[in-house]
Amino acid sequence: MPKRSRKPTRDENQAAYDAVQRVIALTEGAEQRAEKNPAAVALGRKGGLKGGNARAAKLTKEQLIESARKAANARWSPKDTSV
């Protein structure tokens, strides 16, 4: 009696056709996703321009130095490639 959990094997041609169709769908979707709402872009930029300066103004000199030191250590420390 055949196992019901097995799916029938697919033809290589059908698998290739499906792969091409997926790639086409991804590229068409990428073109649509690339268009951004100009109002949202402007609003995000406005907040982004304010954020760093506002945060720096709130920090004490010691906190700012510690934050910069931590960022530099993270940037220049050897990366752990064993993960």
Protein backbone atom coordinates (compact mmCIF):
# COMPACT_ATOMS: atom_id res chain seq x y z
CA MET A 1 0.00 0.00 0.00
CA PRO A 2 1.50 3.40 -0.94
CA LYS A 3 2.30 5.91 1.76
CA ARG A 4 -0.17 8.77 1.69
CA SER A 5 2.28 11.28 3.19
CA ARG A 6 4.46 11.24 0.09
CA LYS A 7 3.86 13.75 -2.60
CA PRO A 8 4.16 12.61 -6.18
CA THR A 9 7.47 13.51 -7.79
CA ARG A 10 7.32 16.55 -10.01
CA ASP A 11 8.51 16.75 -13.56
CA GLU A 12 11.77 18.76 -13.96
CA ASN A 13 10.13 20.93 -16.57
CA GLN A 14 7.28 21.82 -14.23
CA ALA A 15 9.75 22.61 -11.43
CA ALA A 16 11.76 24.88 -13.76
CA TYR A 17 8.60 26.63 -14.92
CA ASP A 18 7.52 27.25 -11.32
CA ALA A 19 10.97 28.62 -10.43
CA VAL A 20 10.85 31.07 -13.35
CA GLN A 21 7.34 32.16 -12.38
CA ARG A 22 8.48 32.85 -8.79
CA VAL A 23 11.41 34.96 -10.03
CA ILE A 24 9.12 36.94 -12.33
CA ALA A 25 6.67 37.54 -9.47
CA LEU A 26 9.50 38.73 -7.20
CA THR A 27 10.91 41.16 -9.75
CA GLU A 28 7.49 42.62 -10.56
CA GLY A 29 6.78 43.06 -6.86
CA ALA A 30 10.14 44.77 -6.32
CA GLU A 31 9.30 47.43 -8.90
CA GLN A 32 6.04 48.19 -7.13
CA ARG A 33 7.68 48.26 -3.68
CA ALA A 34 10.42 50.64 -4.91
CA GLU A 35 7.95 53.50 -5.26
CA LYS A 36 7.79 55.37 -1.95
CA ASN A 37 5.26 57.82 -0.68
CA PRO A 38 6.95 61.27 -0.87
CA ALA A 39 5.03 62.54 2.16
CA ALA A 40 6.19 59.61 4.27
CA VAL A 41 9.78 60.06 3.10
CA ALA A 42 9.70 63.75 4.04
CA LEU A 43 8.21 63.03 7.45
CA GLY A 44 10.78 60.32 8.19
CA ARG A 45 13.64 62.56 7.12
CA LYS A 46 12.31 65.41 9.26
CA GLY A 47 12.29 63.19 12.35
CA GLY A 48 15.66 61.68 11.47
CA LEU A 49 17.30 65.08 11.20
CA LYS A 50 16.02 66.06 14.63
CA GLY A 51 16.69 62.80 16.46
CA GLY A 52 20.48 62.71 16.75
CA ASN A 53 20.83 66.34 17.76
CA ALA A 54 18.03 66.08 20.34
CA ARG A 55 19.59 62.96 21.88
CA ALA A 56 23.06 64.53 21.98
CA ALA A 57 21.67 67.65 23.66
CA LYS A 58 20.08 65.53 26.41
CA LEU A 59 23.23 63.53 27.21
CA THR A 60 25.88 64.75 29.58
CA LYS A 61 29.43 65.03 28.30
CA GLU A 62 30.43 61.82 30.09
CA GLN A 63 27.46 59.91 28.66
CA LEU A 64 28.26 61.17 25.16
CA ILE A 65 31.91 60.11 25.48
CA GLU A 66 30.89 56.68 26.78
CA SER A 67 28.43 56.22 23.93
CA ALA A 68 31.08 57.18 21.37
CA ARG A 69 33.62 54.85 22.98
CA LYS A 70 31.14 51.97 22.94
CA ALA A 71 30.32 52.62 19.26
CA ALA A 72 34.00 52.73 18.31
CA ASN A 73 34.70 49.48 20.16
CA ALA A 74 31.79 47.78 18.40
CA ARG A 75 32.92 49.09 15.02
CA TRP A 76 36.60 48.22 15.30
CA SER A 77 36.63 45.07 17.48
CA PRO A 78 37.33 41.79 15.67
CA LYS A 79 34.13 40.13 14.56
CA ASP A 80 33.24 36.71 15.92
CA THR A 81 32.97 34.52 12.82
CA SER A 82 32.32 31.26 14.69
CA VAL A 83 28.57 31.88 14.83
